[in-house]
Amino acid sequence: MGARVLERFPAGAPRGSWPAEEYAAARRAEGEPATVVMDLRSDAFLVVVEGVEEDSRS
């Protein structure tokens, strides 16, 4: 099972600001099951849709 990254947000957002959560909430309001996960290697929050596999065939 894969996941598609919709957007990346740096972890250093201003205090009280949750841009990744706000973006994910807007996508959910549009019917896309977006969630936020932390990518520790890049120190960023990722908004992803899980279970979506990209078709790489031409």
N, C-alpha and C. Protein backbone atom coordinates (compact mmCIF):
# COMPACT_ATOMS: atom_id res chain seq x y z
N MET A 1 0.84 -1.18 0.00
CA MET A 1 0.00 0.00 0.00
C MET A 1 0.88 1.24 0.00
N GLY A 2 0.58 2.18 -0.85
CA GLY A 2 1.38 3.39 -0.93
C GLY A 2 0.63 4.59 -0.41
N ALA A 3 1.25 5.72 -0.53
CA ALA A 3 0.63 6.98 -0.13
C ALA A 3 1.09 8.05 -1.11
N ARG A 4 0.22 8.97 -1.37
CA ARG A 4 0.54 10.10 -2.26
C ARG A 4 0.68 11.35 -1.41
N VAL A 5 1.79 12.06 -1.56
CA VAL A 5 2.03 13.30 -0.82
C VAL A 5 1.37 14.44 -1.58
N LEU A 6 0.46 15.13 -0.91
CA LEU A 6 -0.23 16.26 -1.53
C LEU A 6 0.56 17.56 -1.36
N GLU A 7 1.17 17.72 -0.17
CA GLU A 7 1.87 18.97 0.13
C GLU A 7 2.85 18.74 1.27
N ARG A 8 3.90 19.57 1.34
CA ARG A 8 4.90 19.53 2.41
C ARG A 8 4.91 20.89 3.12
N PHE A 9 5.07 20.84 4.44
CA PHE A 9 5.15 22.07 5.23
C PHE A 9 6.31 21.95 6.20
N PRO A 10 7.17 22.96 6.30
CA PRO A 10 8.28 22.90 7.25
C PRO A 10 7.75 22.81 8.68
N ALA A 11 8.48 22.10 9.53
CA ALA A 11 8.05 21.91 10.91
C ALA A 11 8.18 23.19 11.74
N GLY A 12 8.90 24.16 11.27
CA GLY A 12 9.15 25.39 12.03
C GLY A 12 8.12 26.48 11.82
N ALA A 13 6.85 26.15 11.72
CA ALA A 13 5.81 27.17 11.55
C ALA A 13 5.71 28.03 12.81
N PRO A 14 5.24 29.26 12.69
CA PRO A 14 5.11 30.12 13.87
C PRO A 14 4.21 29.47 14.93
N ARG A 15 4.47 29.78 16.17
CA ARG A 15 3.71 29.22 17.29
C ARG A 15 2.22 29.50 17.12
N GLY A 16 1.42 28.44 17.29
CA GLY A 16 -0.03 28.58 17.15
C GLY A 16 -0.52 28.46 15.72
N SER A 17 0.40 28.25 14.78
CA SER A 17 0.04 28.08 13.37
C SER A 17 0.14 26.62 13.01
N TRP A 18 -0.87 26.10 12.34
CA TRP A 18 -0.91 24.69 11.96
C TRP A 18 -1.23 24.57 10.47
N PRO A 19 -0.34 25.04 9.58
CA PRO A 19 -0.67 25.06 8.15
C PRO A 19 -0.93 23.69 7.55
N ALA A 20 -0.22 22.67 7.99
CA ALA A 20 -0.44 21.32 7.44
C ALA A 20 -1.82 20.81 7.84
N GLU A 21 -2.19 21.02 9.09
CA GLU A 21 -3.51 20.58 9.56
C GLU A 21 -4.63 21.34 8.84
N GLU A 22 -4.43 22.63 8.63
CA GLU A 22 -5.43 23.43 7.92
C GLU A 22 -5.58 22.98 6.47
N TYR A 23 -4.46 22.69 5.82
CA TYR A 23 -4.49 22.21 4.43
C TYR A 23 -5.21 20.87 4.36
N ALA A 24 -4.87 19.95 5.27
CA ALA A 24 -5.51 18.64 5.29
C ALA A 24 -7.01 18.76 5.54
N ALA A 25 -7.41 19.65 6.44
CA ALA A 25 -8.84 19.84 6.72
C ALA A 25 -9.57 20.36 5.48
N ALA A 26 -8.93 21.24 4.73
CA ALA A 26 -9.55 21.75 3.50
C ALA A 26 -9.70 20.64 2.47
N ARG A 27 -8.69 19.75 2.36
CA ARG A 27 -8.80 18.63 1.42
C ARG A 27 -9.89 17.67 1.86
N ARG A 28 -10.01 17.42 3.18
CA ARG A 28 -11.08 16.54 3.66
C ARG A 28 -12.45 17.15 3.39
N ALA A 29 -12.57 18.46 3.49
CA ALA A 29 -13.84 19.14 3.19
C ALA A 29 -14.22 18.96 1.72
N GLU A 30 -13.22 18.75 0.86
CA GLU A 30 -13.46 18.50 -0.57
C GLU A 30 -13.66 17.02 -0.87
N GLY A 31 -13.62 16.18 0.17
CA GLY A 31 -13.87 14.76 -0.01
C GLY A 31 -12.63 13.90 -0.16
N GLU A 32 -11.45 14.47 -0.02
CA GLU A 32 -10.21 13.69 -0.13
C GLU A 32 -9.75 13.31 1.28
N PRO A 33 -9.51 12.02 1.56
CA PRO A 33 -9.18 11.58 2.92
C PRO A 33 -7.73 11.89 3.31
N ALA A 34 -7.40 13.16 3.44
CA ALA A 34 -6.03 13.58 3.72
C ALA A 34 -5.72 13.52 5.21
N THR A 35 -4.49 13.12 5.52
CA THR A 35 -3.99 13.11 6.89
C THR A 35 -2.61 13.75 6.92
N VAL A 36 -2.17 14.11 8.12
CA VAL A 36 -0.86 14.73 8.30
C VAL A 36 0.07 13.74 8.98
N VAL A 37 1.27 13.61 8.44
CA VAL A 37 2.30 12.77 9.04
C VAL A 37 3.59 13.59 9.14
N MET A 38 4.46 13.19 10.06
CA MET A 38 5.74 13.87 10.23
C MET A 38 6.83 13.09 9.53
N ASP A 39 7.60 13.77 8.69
CA ASP A 39 8.77 13.17 8.05
C ASP A 39 9.99 13.64 8.84
N LEU A 40 10.51 12.77 9.70
CA LEU A 40 11.62 13.16 10.58
C LEU A 40 12.89 13.47 9.81
N ARG A 41 13.13 12.77 8.71
CA ARG A 41 14.37 13.01 7.94
C ARG A 41 14.43 14.43 7.38
N SER A 42 13.29 14.93 6.89
CA SER A 42 13.30 16.28 6.30
C SER A 42 12.77 17.34 7.26
N ASP A 43 12.38 16.93 8.48
CA ASP A 43 11.82 17.84 9.48
C ASP A 43 10.66 18.64 8.89
N ALA A 44 9.71 17.88 8.31
CA ALA A 44 8.56 18.52 7.66
C ALA A 44 7.31 17.70 7.93
N PHE A 45 6.18 18.39 7.89
CA PHE A 45 4.89 17.72 7.97
C PHE A 45 4.41 17.47 6.54
N LEU A 46 3.93 16.26 6.28
CA LEU A 46 3.44 15.91 4.96
C LEU A 46 1.94 15.68 5.03
N VAL A 47 1.22 16.22 4.08
CA VAL A 47 -0.21 15.94 3.95
C VAL A 47 -0.30 14.84 2.91
N VAL A 48 -0.83 13.68 3.32
CA VAL A 48 -0.86 12.51 2.45
C VAL A 48 -2.26 11.93 2.33
N VAL A 49 -2.45 11.20 1.24
CA VAL A 49 -3.64 10.37 1.06
C VAL A 49 -3.12 8.95 1.01
N GLU A 50 -3.47 8.14 1.99
CA GLU A 50 -2.95 6.77 2.08
C GLU A 50 -3.73 5.82 1.21
N GLY A 51 -3.04 4.74 0.81
CA GLY A 51 -3.67 3.71 0.01
C GLY A 51 -3.79 4.06 -1.46
N VAL A 52 -3.19 5.15 -1.88
CA VAL A 52 -3.24 5.56 -3.29
C VAL A 52 -1.93 5.16 -3.94
N GLU A 53 -2.05 4.33 -4.94
CA GLU A 53 -0.85 3.93 -5.67
C GLU A 53 -0.81 4.65 -7.00
N GLU A 54 0.33 5.21 -7.31
CA GLU A 54 0.49 5.91 -8.58
C GLU A 54 0.74 4.90 -9.67
N ASP A 55 0.08 5.03 -10.78
CA ASP A 55 0.27 4.13 -11.92
C ASP A 55 1.41 4.69 -12.76
N SER A 56 2.55 3.99 -12.77
CA SER A 56 3.73 4.48 -13.49
C SER A 56 3.80 3.95 -14.91
N ARG A 57 2.81 3.15 -15.31
CA ARG A 57 2.82 2.62 -16.68
C ARG A 57 2.44 3.70 -17.68
N SER A 58 3.03 3.66 -18.86
CA SER A 58 2.73 4.64 -19.91
C SER A 58 1.54 4.23 -20.73
